[in-house]
Amino acid sequence: MQYIGYGSLKERAAAEIRSAIVRGDLEPGTAIKDVELAQKLGLSRTPVREALATLTDEGLVETKPHAYTRVTALEAEPVRDALVVVQTMHALAAGLAVPLMTDDDIAAMRAANKAFKKALDANDAVAALAADDEFHAVSVHRCDNFAITATIDRFTPLVRRAEHSRFSSPHARHSVTQHQQIIEACERRDDKQAALLVDENWNTLREEL
């Protein structure tokens, strides 16, 4: 039997609660009770409490001691603040990554964009979000800059609900074309154009906000 450590349980709980918030299963303002969540997830209260602390740091949950723990409201200003940081980091990652990219990297981006389009055609926002992550992760991984990665990981959760909303709408189809243009710039090893196109791709989300 595989051993699952405490840290893994906390991460599992955080991932499942985060996903429920992003999908809208846990709506803004919904009260969260760790006992009920623990029972639903089949976990003890300790990893669930630690998971909620993580989600509080991410801005998806808010807590007032002895009063409430609830899903935060989806307010435009904090999301915009986080988005401009995420957007800038992804553009920077692309610019740094392009000169280092391999043929396998380009193939991975093509495959991710194909999966992205398939998910959008199926109206599957969750799968589209995962495929979009895979697409942009190629540059983030290839640039190999821990500060960029850490910053993206820190602020991305706050923009997740906005991303899910976008990928649930017909407007998201334009991102397929934008991804293809990014791929072509990477193939040409045009780092400046790739960075500009990535910035424009993320800017479509900011315009909707």
N, C-alpha and C. Protein backbone atom coordinates (compact mmCIF):
# COMPACT_ATOMS: atom_id res chain seq x y z
N MET A 1 0.85 -1.20 0.00
CA MET A 1 0.00 0.00 0.00
C MET A 1 0.89 1.25 0.00
N GLN A 2 0.55 2.19 -0.86
CA GLN A 2 1.35 3.42 -0.97
C GLN A 2 1.09 4.33 0.23
N TYR A 3 2.17 4.83 0.81
CA TYR A 3 2.04 5.75 1.95
C TYR A 3 1.75 7.15 1.44
N ILE A 4 0.73 7.76 2.01
CA ILE A 4 0.38 9.15 1.66
C ILE A 4 0.71 10.03 2.86
N GLY A 5 1.69 10.89 2.75
CA GLY A 5 2.12 11.73 3.85
C GLY A 5 1.14 12.84 4.15
N TYR A 6 1.35 13.46 5.31
CA TYR A 6 0.47 14.55 5.75
C TYR A 6 0.46 15.69 4.74
N GLY A 7 1.68 16.02 4.25
CA GLY A 7 1.77 17.10 3.28
C GLY A 7 0.94 16.82 2.04
N SER A 8 0.95 15.55 1.61
CA SER A 8 0.17 15.18 0.43
C SER A 8 -1.33 15.31 0.69
N LEU A 9 -1.75 14.97 1.90
CA LEU A 9 -3.17 15.10 2.25
C LEU A 9 -3.58 16.57 2.25
N LYS A 10 -2.72 17.42 2.78
CA LYS A 10 -3.01 18.85 2.79
C LYS A 10 -3.09 19.38 1.36
N GLU A 11 -2.16 18.96 0.52
CA GLU A 11 -2.15 19.40 -0.87
C GLU A 11 -3.37 18.90 -1.62
N ARG A 12 -3.76 17.66 -1.34
CA ARG A 12 -4.96 17.10 -1.98
C ARG A 12 -6.19 17.90 -1.57
N ALA A 13 -6.31 18.19 -0.28
CA ALA A 13 -7.46 18.96 0.20
C ALA A 13 -7.48 20.34 -0.43
N ALA A 14 -6.31 21.00 -0.47
CA ALA A 14 -6.24 22.34 -1.06
C ALA A 14 -6.62 22.31 -2.53
N ALA A 15 -6.16 21.29 -3.25
CA ALA A 15 -6.45 21.18 -4.68
C ALA A 15 -7.95 20.99 -4.92
N GLU A 16 -8.58 20.13 -4.11
CA GLU A 16 -10.01 19.85 -4.31
C GLU A 16 -10.87 21.05 -3.92
N ILE A 17 -10.52 21.71 -2.82
CA ILE A 17 -11.30 22.88 -2.41
C ILE A 17 -11.11 24.02 -3.40
N ARG A 18 -9.87 24.20 -3.83
CA ARG A 18 -9.57 25.24 -4.81
C ARG A 18 -10.35 25.01 -6.10
N SER A 19 -10.37 23.78 -6.56
CA SER A 19 -11.10 23.45 -7.78
C SER A 19 -12.59 23.73 -7.63
N ALA A 20 -13.16 23.41 -6.47
CA ALA A 20 -14.57 23.67 -6.23
C ALA A 20 -14.88 25.16 -6.25
N ILE A 21 -13.96 25.97 -5.72
CA ILE A 21 -14.14 27.42 -5.73
C ILE A 21 -14.06 27.96 -7.15
N VAL A 22 -13.05 27.49 -7.91
CA VAL A 22 -12.86 27.96 -9.28
C VAL A 22 -14.05 27.60 -10.16
N ARG A 23 -14.57 26.38 -9.99
CA ARG A 23 -15.72 25.94 -10.80
C ARG A 23 -17.00 26.64 -10.41
N GLY A 24 -17.04 27.21 -9.21
CA GLY A 24 -18.25 27.85 -8.73
C GLY A 24 -19.12 26.93 -7.90
N ASP A 25 -18.64 25.71 -7.63
CA ASP A 25 -19.39 24.81 -6.76
C ASP A 25 -19.49 25.40 -5.35
N LEU A 26 -18.41 26.07 -4.94
CA LEU A 26 -18.43 26.86 -3.71
C LEU A 26 -18.46 28.32 -4.14
N GLU A 27 -19.61 28.93 -4.05
CA GLU A 27 -19.79 30.27 -4.57
C GLU A 27 -19.20 31.33 -3.62
N PRO A 28 -18.92 32.53 -4.15
CA PRO A 28 -18.43 33.62 -3.31
C PRO A 28 -19.36 33.87 -2.12
N GLY A 29 -18.79 33.97 -0.94
CA GLY A 29 -19.57 34.20 0.26
C GLY A 29 -20.02 32.94 0.97
N THR A 30 -19.82 31.79 0.33
CA THR A 30 -20.24 30.53 0.95
C THR A 30 -19.45 30.26 2.23
N ALA A 31 -20.16 29.95 3.31
CA ALA A 31 -19.50 29.60 4.57
C ALA A 31 -18.84 28.23 4.43
N ILE A 32 -17.66 28.11 5.00
CA ILE A 32 -16.91 26.86 4.94
C ILE A 32 -16.72 26.33 6.35
N LYS A 33 -17.10 25.07 6.54
CA LYS A 33 -16.93 24.41 7.83
C LYS A 33 -15.96 23.26 7.66
N ASP A 34 -14.85 23.32 8.39
CA ASP A 34 -13.82 22.32 8.19
C ASP A 34 -14.30 20.90 8.50
N VAL A 35 -15.21 20.77 9.46
CA VAL A 35 -15.72 19.44 9.81
C VAL A 35 -16.46 18.82 8.62
N GLU A 36 -17.34 19.62 8.00
CA GLU A 36 -18.11 19.13 6.87
C GLU A 36 -17.21 18.82 5.68
N LEU A 37 -16.23 19.70 5.43
CA LEU A 37 -15.31 19.46 4.33
C LEU A 37 -14.48 18.21 4.56
N ALA A 38 -14.02 18.02 5.78
CA ALA A 38 -13.22 16.84 6.11
C ALA A 38 -14.01 15.56 5.85
N GLN A 39 -15.28 15.57 6.25
CA GLN A 39 -16.13 14.41 6.02
C GLN A 39 -16.34 14.17 4.53
N LYS A 40 -16.56 15.23 3.79
CA LYS A 40 -16.80 15.12 2.36
C LYS A 40 -15.57 14.60 1.62
N LEU A 41 -14.39 15.05 2.05
CA LEU A 41 -13.14 14.65 1.40
C LEU A 41 -12.59 13.34 1.95
N GLY A 42 -13.18 12.86 3.05
CA GLY A 42 -12.68 11.64 3.65
C GLY A 42 -11.34 11.83 4.33
N LEU A 43 -11.16 13.01 4.93
CA LEU A 43 -9.90 13.34 5.58
C LEU A 43 -10.16 13.77 7.02
N SER A 44 -9.09 13.86 7.78
CA SER A 44 -9.21 14.43 9.12
C SER A 44 -9.26 15.95 9.02
N ARG A 45 -9.57 16.60 10.13
CA ARG A 45 -9.71 18.06 10.11
C ARG A 45 -8.37 18.76 9.94
N THR A 46 -7.27 18.15 10.38
CA THR A 46 -5.98 18.84 10.36
C THR A 46 -5.53 19.21 8.95
N PRO A 47 -5.46 18.28 7.98
CA PRO A 47 -5.05 18.71 6.63
C PRO A 47 -6.03 19.67 5.99
N VAL A 48 -7.32 19.56 6.34
CA VAL A 48 -8.31 20.48 5.78
C VAL A 48 -8.09 21.88 6.33
N ARG A 49 -7.81 21.99 7.60
CA ARG A 49 -7.52 23.30 8.20
C ARG A 49 -6.28 23.92 7.57
N GLU A 50 -5.25 23.10 7.38
CA GLU A 50 -4.02 23.61 6.76
C GLU A 50 -4.27 24.01 5.31
N ALA A 51 -5.12 23.26 4.63
CA ALA A 51 -5.46 23.59 3.25
C ALA A 51 -6.19 24.93 3.19
N LEU A 52 -7.09 25.15 4.13
CA LEU A 52 -7.83 26.42 4.17
C LEU A 52 -6.89 27.59 4.46
N ALA A 53 -5.86 27.34 5.27
CA ALA A 53 -4.87 28.38 5.53
C ALA A 53 -4.13 28.73 4.24
N THR A 54 -3.80 27.70 3.44
CA THR A 54 -3.15 27.93 2.15
C THR A 54 -4.05 28.75 1.23
N LEU A 55 -5.31 28.39 1.17
CA LEU A 55 -6.26 29.09 0.30
C LEU A 55 -6.53 30.50 0.78
N THR A 56 -6.39 30.73 2.08
CA THR A 56 -6.49 32.09 2.62
C THR A 56 -5.32 32.93 2.13
N ASP A 57 -4.13 32.36 2.15
CA ASP A 57 -2.95 33.06 1.64
C ASP A 57 -3.10 33.37 0.15
N GLU A 58 -3.79 32.50 -0.57
CA GLU A 58 -3.98 32.68 -2.01
C GLU A 58 -5.08 33.70 -2.33
N GLY A 59 -5.88 34.06 -1.32
CA GLY A 59 -6.94 35.03 -1.53
C GLY A 59 -8.27 34.44 -1.94
N LEU A 60 -8.40 33.11 -1.88
CA LEU A 60 -9.66 32.47 -2.26
C LEU A 60 -10.59 32.26 -1.06
N VAL A 61 -10.02 32.29 0.13
CA VAL A 61 -10.79 32.09 1.35
C VAL A 61 -10.45 33.22 2.32
N GLU A 62 -11.43 33.65 3.09
CA GLU A 62 -11.18 34.66 4.12
C GLU A 62 -11.70 34.15 5.45
N THR A 63 -10.97 34.48 6.50
CA THR A 63 -11.30 33.97 7.82
C THR A 63 -11.26 35.08 8.86
N LYS A 64 -12.24 35.08 9.74
CA LYS A 64 -12.24 35.93 10.91
C LYS A 64 -12.36 35.01 12.11
N PRO A 65 -11.33 34.98 12.98
CA PRO A 65 -11.33 34.06 14.12
C PRO A 65 -12.62 34.13 14.94
N HIS A 66 -13.15 32.96 15.23
CA HIS A 66 -14.36 32.83 16.05
C HIS A 66 -15.60 33.45 15.40
N ALA A 67 -15.50 33.72 14.11
CA ALA A 67 -16.66 34.32 13.43
C ALA A 67 -17.02 33.54 12.16
N TYR A 68 -16.11 33.49 11.19
CA TYR A 68 -16.45 32.81 9.94
C TYR A 68 -15.20 32.41 9.15
N THR A 69 -15.40 31.45 8.29
CA THR A 69 -14.47 31.10 7.21
C THR A 69 -15.34 30.97 5.98
N ARG A 70 -15.02 31.72 4.93
CA ARG A 70 -15.90 31.71 3.77
C ARG A 70 -15.10 31.97 2.49
N VAL A 71 -15.72 31.66 1.38
CA VAL A 71 -15.13 31.93 0.07
C VAL A 71 -15.15 33.43 -0.16
N THR A 72 -14.04 33.98 -0.60
CA THR A 72 -13.98 35.42 -0.83
C THR A 72 -14.86 35.84 -2.00
N ALA A 73 -15.30 37.08 -1.95
CA ALA A 73 -16.06 37.65 -3.06
C ALA A 73 -15.14 37.78 -4.27
N LEU A 74 -15.72 37.65 -5.45
CA LEU A 74 -14.95 37.81 -6.68
C LEU A 74 -14.93 39.29 -7.05
N GLU A 75 -13.97 40.00 -6.50
CA GLU A 75 -13.88 41.45 -6.72
C GLU A 75 -12.84 41.74 -7.79
N ALA A 76 -13.17 42.67 -8.67
CA ALA A 76 -12.34 42.93 -9.83
C ALA A 76 -10.95 43.48 -9.48
N GLU A 77 -10.89 44.39 -8.51
CA GLU A 77 -9.62 45.07 -8.24
C GLU A 77 -8.50 44.13 -7.80
N PRO A 78 -8.71 43.25 -6.80
CA PRO A 78 -7.64 42.34 -6.41
C PRO A 78 -7.26 41.38 -7.53
N VAL A 79 -8.26 40.97 -8.33
CA VAL A 79 -7.97 40.07 -9.45
C VAL A 79 -7.12 40.79 -10.48
N ARG A 80 -7.45 42.04 -10.76
CA ARG A 80 -6.64 42.82 -11.71
C ARG A 80 -5.21 42.98 -11.20
N ASP A 81 -5.06 43.25 -9.91
CA ASP A 81 -3.73 43.42 -9.34
C ASP A 81 -2.90 42.15 -9.51
N ALA A 82 -3.53 41.00 -9.25
CA ALA A 82 -2.83 39.72 -9.39
C ALA A 82 -2.55 39.42 -10.86
N LEU A 83 -3.53 39.72 -11.71
CA LEU A 83 -3.41 39.40 -13.12
C LEU A 83 -2.25 40.15 -13.79
N VAL A 84 -2.07 41.42 -13.45
CA VAL A 84 -0.99 42.17 -14.09
C VAL A 84 0.37 41.57 -13.74
N VAL A 85 0.49 41.01 -12.55
CA VAL A 85 1.74 40.35 -12.15
C VAL A 85 1.92 39.04 -12.90
N VAL A 86 0.85 38.23 -12.95
CA VAL A 86 0.91 36.95 -13.66
C VAL A 86 1.19 37.18 -15.14
N GLN A 87 0.50 38.13 -15.72
CA GLN A 87 0.67 38.46 -17.13
C GLN A 87 2.12 38.85 -17.43
N THR A 88 2.68 39.71 -16.61
CA THR A 88 4.05 40.18 -16.81
C THR A 88 5.05 39.04 -16.68
N MET A 89 4.84 38.16 -15.70
CA MET A 89 5.75 37.03 -15.49
C MET A 89 5.72 36.04 -16.65
N HIS A 90 4.52 35.79 -17.19
CA HIS A 90 4.42 34.87 -18.32
C HIS A 90 5.10 35.44 -19.57
N ALA A 91 4.93 36.74 -19.79
CA ALA A 91 5.58 37.37 -20.94
C ALA A 91 7.10 37.33 -20.78
N LEU A 92 7.56 37.60 -19.57
CA LEU A 92 9.00 37.55 -19.30
C LEU A 92 9.53 36.13 -19.50
N ALA A 93 8.79 35.14 -19.02
CA ALA A 93 9.20 33.74 -19.17
C ALA A 93 9.33 33.37 -20.64
N ALA A 94 8.37 33.81 -21.45
CA ALA A 94 8.41 33.50 -22.88
C ALA A 94 9.65 34.11 -23.53
N GLY A 95 9.93 35.37 -23.21
CA GLY A 95 11.10 36.03 -23.79
C GLY A 95 12.40 35.33 -23.43
N LEU A 96 12.49 34.85 -22.20
CA LEU A 96 13.70 34.16 -21.76
C LEU A 96 13.78 32.74 -22.32
N ALA A 97 12.63 32.12 -22.52
CA ALA A 97 12.60 30.71 -22.91
C ALA A 97 12.86 30.48 -24.39
N VAL A 98 12.40 31.38 -25.23
CA VAL A 98 12.44 31.14 -26.68
C VAL A 98 13.83 30.75 -27.20
N PRO A 99 14.91 31.44 -26.82
CA PRO A 99 16.22 31.05 -27.34
C PRO A 99 16.66 29.65 -26.89
N LEU A 100 16.03 29.13 -25.85
CA LEU A 100 16.41 27.84 -25.28
C LEU A 100 15.49 26.71 -25.69
N MET A 101 14.43 27.01 -26.41
CA MET A 101 13.42 26.01 -26.72
C MET A 101 13.92 24.93 -27.67
N THR A 102 13.40 23.72 -27.44
CA THR A 102 13.72 22.58 -28.28
C THR A 102 12.52 22.24 -29.16
N ASP A 103 12.74 21.33 -30.09
CA ASP A 103 11.63 20.88 -30.93
C ASP A 103 10.56 20.22 -30.09
N ASP A 104 10.96 19.53 -29.04
CA ASP A 104 9.99 18.90 -28.14
C ASP A 104 9.13 19.94 -27.45
N ASP A 105 9.72 21.08 -27.10
CA ASP A 105 8.96 22.16 -26.47
C ASP A 105 7.87 22.67 -27.42
N ILE A 106 8.27 22.88 -28.67
CA ILE A 106 7.30 23.36 -29.67
C ILE A 106 6.18 22.35 -29.85
N ALA A 107 6.55 21.07 -29.91
CA ALA A 107 5.55 20.01 -30.07
C ALA A 107 4.60 19.97 -28.87
N ALA A 108 5.14 20.19 -27.68
CA ALA A 108 4.31 20.20 -26.48
C ALA A 108 3.32 21.36 -26.51
N MET A 109 3.75 22.51 -27.01
CA MET A 109 2.85 23.65 -27.12
C MET A 109 1.75 23.39 -28.14
N ARG A 110 2.12 22.76 -29.24
CA ARG A 110 1.10 22.42 -30.25
C ARG A 110 0.07 21.45 -29.68
N ALA A 111 0.56 20.44 -28.97
CA ALA A 111 -0.35 19.44 -28.39
C ALA A 111 -1.28 20.08 -27.36
N ALA A 112 -0.72 20.99 -26.56
CA ALA A 112 -1.53 21.66 -25.55
C ALA A 112 -2.60 22.54 -26.19
N ASN A 113 -2.24 23.22 -27.28
CA ASN A 113 -3.22 24.08 -27.95
C ASN A 113 -4.31 23.25 -28.62
N LYS A 114 -3.91 22.08 -29.14
CA LYS A 114 -4.90 21.18 -29.72
C LYS A 114 -5.89 20.70 -28.65
N ALA A 115 -5.36 20.34 -27.47
CA ALA A 115 -6.21 19.92 -26.36
C ALA A 115 -7.08 21.08 -25.88
N PHE A 116 -6.53 22.28 -25.91
CA PHE A 116 -7.26 23.49 -25.51
C PHE A 116 -8.46 23.70 -26.42
N LYS A 117 -8.24 23.61 -27.72
CA LYS A 117 -9.33 23.79 -28.69
C LYS A 117 -10.39 22.71 -28.51
N LYS A 118 -9.95 21.48 -28.32
CA LYS A 118 -10.88 20.37 -28.14
C LYS A 118 -11.76 20.60 -26.91
N ALA A 119 -11.15 21.08 -25.83
CA ALA A 119 -11.90 21.34 -24.60
C ALA A 119 -12.91 22.47 -24.81
N LEU A 120 -12.50 23.52 -25.50
CA LEU A 120 -13.43 24.63 -25.77
C LEU A 120 -14.59 24.16 -26.63
N ASP A 121 -14.29 23.34 -27.64
CA ASP A 121 -15.35 22.83 -28.52
C ASP A 121 -16.35 21.98 -27.73
N ALA A 122 -15.86 21.33 -26.67
CA ALA A 122 -16.72 20.49 -25.84
C ALA A 122 -17.35 21.28 -24.69
N ASN A 123 -17.07 22.60 -24.66
CA ASN A 123 -17.57 23.46 -23.56
C ASN A 123 -17.13 22.96 -22.19
N ASP A 124 -15.90 22.47 -22.15
CA ASP A 124 -15.32 21.95 -20.91
C ASP A 124 -14.30 22.96 -20.39
N ALA A 125 -14.75 23.89 -19.56
CA ALA A 125 -13.88 24.96 -19.08
C ALA A 125 -12.75 24.44 -18.21
N VAL A 126 -13.02 23.40 -17.44
CA VAL A 126 -11.99 22.84 -16.56
C VAL A 126 -10.85 22.25 -17.39
N ALA A 127 -11.19 21.48 -18.42
CA ALA A 127 -10.17 20.90 -19.29
C ALA A 127 -9.44 21.98 -20.09
N ALA A 128 -10.18 23.02 -20.49
CA ALA A 128 -9.55 24.13 -21.22
C ALA A 128 -8.54 24.84 -20.35
N LEU A 129 -8.89 25.03 -19.09
CA LEU A 129 -7.98 25.69 -18.16
C LEU A 129 -6.71 24.86 -17.97
N ALA A 130 -6.88 23.55 -17.86
CA ALA A 130 -5.72 22.65 -17.70
C ALA A 130 -4.83 22.68 -18.93
N ALA A 131 -5.44 22.69 -20.11
CA ALA A 131 -4.66 22.72 -21.35
C ALA A 131 -3.94 24.05 -21.53
N ASP A 132 -4.61 25.13 -21.14
CA ASP A 132 -3.99 26.45 -21.20
C ASP A 132 -2.78 26.51 -20.27
N ASP A 133 -2.92 25.91 -19.10
CA ASP A 133 -1.80 25.83 -18.16
C ASP A 133 -0.62 25.09 -18.79
N GLU A 134 -0.91 23.96 -19.45
CA GLU A 134 0.15 23.17 -20.08
C GLU A 134 0.84 23.97 -21.18
N PHE A 135 0.07 24.74 -21.91
CA PHE A 135 0.64 25.55 -22.98
C PHE A 135 1.65 26.56 -22.42
N HIS A 136 1.22 27.33 -21.45
CA HIS A 136 2.10 28.37 -20.91
C HIS A 136 3.21 27.80 -20.03
N ALA A 137 2.99 26.60 -19.50
CA ALA A 137 4.01 25.99 -18.64
C ALA A 137 5.28 25.64 -19.39
N VAL A 138 5.17 25.46 -20.70
CA VAL A 138 6.36 25.12 -21.49
C VAL A 138 7.41 26.22 -21.35
N SER A 139 6.99 27.45 -21.54
CA SER A 139 7.92 28.58 -21.42
C SER A 139 8.41 28.77 -20.00
N VAL A 140 7.50 28.62 -19.04
CA VAL A 140 7.87 28.80 -17.64
C VAL A 140 8.92 27.76 -17.24
N HIS A 141 8.72 26.53 -17.67
CA HIS A 141 9.68 25.47 -17.36
C HIS A 141 11.01 25.71 -18.07
N ARG A 142 10.94 26.07 -19.35
CA ARG A 142 12.18 26.20 -20.14
C ARG A 142 13.02 27.38 -19.69
N CYS A 143 12.42 28.46 -19.24
CA CYS A 143 13.21 29.62 -18.82
C CYS A 143 13.98 29.34 -17.53
N ASP A 144 13.48 28.37 -16.73
CA ASP A 144 14.19 27.88 -15.55
C ASP A 144 14.60 29.01 -14.61
N ASN A 145 13.62 29.84 -14.28
CA ASN A 145 13.86 30.95 -13.37
C ASN A 145 12.96 30.77 -12.16
N PHE A 146 13.55 30.46 -11.00
CA PHE A 146 12.75 30.12 -9.83
C PHE A 146 11.88 31.29 -9.37
N ALA A 147 12.36 32.51 -9.55
CA ALA A 147 11.58 33.67 -9.09
C ALA A 147 10.33 33.86 -9.94
N ILE A 148 10.44 33.64 -11.23
CA ILE A 148 9.28 33.72 -12.10
C ILE A 148 8.26 32.65 -11.72
N THR A 149 8.75 31.43 -11.56
CA THR A 149 7.87 30.32 -11.21
C THR A 149 7.16 30.57 -9.88
N ALA A 150 7.91 31.02 -8.88
CA ALA A 150 7.34 31.26 -7.56
C ALA A 150 6.30 32.37 -7.60
N THR A 151 6.55 33.41 -8.37
CA THR A 151 5.61 34.53 -8.46
C THR A 151 4.32 34.10 -9.16
N ILE A 152 4.46 33.33 -10.23
CA ILE A 152 3.28 32.83 -10.94
C ILE A 152 2.46 31.92 -10.02
N ASP A 153 3.14 31.03 -9.31
CA ASP A 153 2.43 30.12 -8.40
C ASP A 153 1.72 30.89 -7.28
N ARG A 154 2.32 31.96 -6.84
CA ARG A 154 1.76 32.74 -5.73
C ARG A 154 0.48 33.48 -6.13
N PHE A 155 0.44 34.05 -7.33
CA PHE A 155 -0.67 34.93 -7.68
C PHE A 155 -1.69 34.34 -8.65
N THR A 156 -1.36 33.22 -9.30
CA THR A 156 -2.30 32.62 -10.23
C THR A 156 -3.62 32.20 -9.59
N PRO A 157 -3.62 31.61 -8.37
CA PRO A 157 -4.91 31.19 -7.80
C PRO A 157 -5.96 32.29 -7.74
N LEU A 158 -5.54 33.52 -7.56
CA LEU A 158 -6.49 34.61 -7.43
C LEU A 158 -7.19 34.93 -8.75
N VAL A 159 -6.58 34.56 -9.88
CA VAL A 159 -7.20 34.86 -11.17
C VAL A 159 -7.93 33.64 -11.75
N ARG A 160 -7.91 32.52 -11.03
CA ARG A 160 -8.47 31.29 -11.56
C ARG A 160 -9.96 31.39 -11.88
N ARG A 161 -10.73 32.03 -11.00
CA ARG A 161 -12.16 32.10 -11.25
C ARG A 161 -12.47 32.93 -12.49
N ALA A 162 -11.66 33.96 -12.72
CA ALA A 162 -11.85 34.77 -13.92
C ALA A 162 -11.48 33.98 -15.17
N GLU A 163 -10.43 33.18 -15.08
CA GLU A 163 -10.03 32.33 -16.21
C GLU A 163 -11.12 31.32 -16.52
N HIS A 164 -11.66 30.68 -15.48
CA HIS A 164 -12.70 29.69 -15.69
C HIS A 164 -13.92 30.32 -16.36
N SER A 165 -14.26 31.53 -15.92
CA SER A 165 -15.39 32.23 -16.51
C SER A 165 -15.14 32.52 -17.99
N ARG A 166 -13.92 32.95 -18.31
CA ARG A 166 -13.59 33.26 -19.70
C ARG A 166 -13.66 32.02 -20.57
N PHE A 167 -13.11 30.91 -20.06
CA PHE A 167 -13.08 29.69 -20.86
C PHE A 167 -14.45 29.03 -20.95
N SER A 168 -15.42 29.58 -20.24
CA SER A 168 -16.80 29.11 -20.35
C SER A 168 -17.57 29.91 -21.40
N SER A 169 -16.93 30.92 -21.98
CA SER A 169 -17.61 31.80 -22.93
C SER A 169 -17.05 31.62 -24.34
N PRO A 170 -17.82 31.99 -25.37
CA PRO A 170 -17.36 31.87 -26.76
C PRO A 170 -16.14 32.73 -27.06
N HIS A 171 -15.91 33.78 -26.27
CA HIS A 171 -14.79 34.69 -26.53
C HIS A 171 -13.44 33.97 -26.41
N ALA A 172 -13.42 32.86 -25.69
CA ALA A 172 -12.15 32.16 -25.46
C ALA A 172 -11.58 31.57 -26.74
N ARG A 173 -12.41 31.37 -27.76
CA ARG A 173 -11.92 30.76 -29.01
C ARG A 173 -10.77 31.54 -29.62
N HIS A 174 -10.76 32.84 -29.37
CA HIS A 174 -9.70 33.68 -29.94
C HIS A 174 -8.33 33.27 -29.40
N SER A 175 -8.31 32.70 -28.20
CA SER A 175 -7.03 32.30 -27.61
C SER A 175 -6.36 31.18 -28.39
N VAL A 176 -7.14 30.36 -29.08
CA VAL A 176 -6.56 29.29 -29.90
C VAL A 176 -5.66 29.90 -30.97
N THR A 177 -6.18 30.93 -31.63
CA THR A 177 -5.40 31.63 -32.67
C THR A 177 -4.19 32.32 -32.06
N GLN A 178 -4.38 32.96 -30.91
CA GLN A 178 -3.26 33.63 -30.26
C GLN A 178 -2.17 32.63 -29.88
N HIS A 179 -2.58 31.46 -29.38
CA HIS A 179 -1.59 30.43 -29.05
C HIS A 179 -0.80 30.02 -30.29
N GLN A 180 -1.50 29.86 -31.41
CA GLN A 180 -0.83 29.47 -32.65
C GLN A 180 0.19 30.53 -33.07
N GLN A 181 -0.15 31.78 -32.91
CA GLN A 181 0.79 32.86 -33.26
C GLN A 181 2.01 32.84 -32.33
N ILE A 182 1.79 32.51 -31.08
CA ILE A 182 2.90 32.40 -30.13
C ILE A 182 3.83 31.26 -30.55
N ILE A 183 3.24 30.13 -30.93
CA ILE A 183 4.03 28.98 -31.38
C ILE A 183 4.89 29.36 -32.58
N GLU A 184 4.30 30.06 -33.53
CA GLU A 184 5.03 30.46 -34.74
C GLU A 184 6.19 31.39 -34.40
N ALA A 185 5.98 32.30 -33.46
CA ALA A 185 7.06 33.19 -33.03
C ALA A 185 8.17 32.40 -32.36
N CYS A 186 7.80 31.40 -31.58
CA CYS A 186 8.81 30.55 -30.93
C CYS A 186 9.60 29.76 -31.96
N GLU A 187 8.93 29.28 -32.99
CA GLU A 187 9.62 28.53 -34.05
C GLU A 187 10.63 29.42 -34.77
N ARG A 188 10.30 30.70 -34.92
CA ARG A 188 11.21 31.65 -35.58
C ARG A 188 12.32 32.12 -34.64
N ARG A 189 12.21 31.68 -33.37
CA ARG A 189 13.14 32.12 -32.33
C ARG A 189 13.10 33.64 -32.16
N ASP A 190 11.88 34.18 -32.32
CA ASP A 190 11.67 35.62 -32.15
C ASP A 190 11.19 35.85 -30.72
N ASP A 191 12.14 36.02 -29.81
CA ASP A 191 11.81 36.11 -28.40
C ASP A 191 10.97 37.35 -28.07
N LYS A 192 11.28 38.47 -28.70
CA LYS A 192 10.54 39.70 -28.42
C LYS A 192 9.08 39.59 -28.87
N GLN A 193 8.88 39.03 -30.06
CA GLN A 193 7.51 38.88 -30.56
C GLN A 193 6.73 37.87 -29.72
N ALA A 194 7.39 36.80 -29.33
CA ALA A 194 6.72 35.79 -28.49
C ALA A 194 6.28 36.41 -27.17
N ALA A 195 7.16 37.19 -26.56
CA ALA A 195 6.81 37.83 -25.29
C ALA A 195 5.65 38.80 -25.46
N LEU A 196 5.66 39.55 -26.57
CA LEU A 196 4.57 40.49 -26.84
C LEU A 196 3.25 39.77 -27.04
N LEU A 197 3.28 38.66 -27.78
CA LEU A 197 2.06 37.90 -28.05
C LEU A 197 1.51 37.24 -26.78
N VAL A 198 2.40 36.76 -25.92
CA VAL A 198 1.95 36.19 -24.64
C VAL A 198 1.30 37.27 -23.79
N ASP A 199 1.90 38.44 -23.78
CA ASP A 199 1.32 39.56 -23.03
C ASP A 199 -0.07 39.89 -23.56
N GLU A 200 -0.23 39.91 -24.88
CA GLU A 200 -1.52 40.21 -25.49
C GLU A 200 -2.54 39.12 -25.17
N ASN A 201 -2.08 37.89 -25.14
CA ASN A 201 -2.97 36.77 -24.82
C ASN A 201 -3.55 36.91 -23.41
N TRP A 202 -2.70 37.23 -22.44
CA TRP A 202 -3.17 37.43 -21.07
C TRP A 202 -3.99 38.71 -20.95
N ASN A 203 -3.72 39.68 -21.81
CA ASN A 203 -4.42 40.95 -21.71
C ASN A 203 -5.90 40.81 -22.06
N THR A 204 -6.25 39.80 -22.84
CA THR A 204 -7.66 39.60 -23.17
C THR A 204 -8.48 39.30 -21.90
N LEU A 205 -7.85 38.64 -20.94
CA LEU A 205 -8.53 38.38 -19.69
C LEU A 205 -8.70 39.66 -18.88
N ARG A 206 -7.67 40.50 -18.90
CA ARG A 206 -7.76 41.77 -18.17
C ARG A 206 -8.82 42.67 -18.78
N GLU A 207 -8.97 42.64 -20.10
CA GLU A 207 -9.99 43.47 -20.74
C GLU A 207 -11.40 43.05 -20.31
N GLU A 208 -11.60 41.76 -20.12
CA GLU A 208 -12.91 41.28 -19.69
C GLU A 208 -13.24 41.72 -18.26
N LEU A 209 -12.20 41.82 -17.43
CA LEU A 209 -12.43 42.25 -16.06
C LEU A 209 -12.85 43.71 -16.00
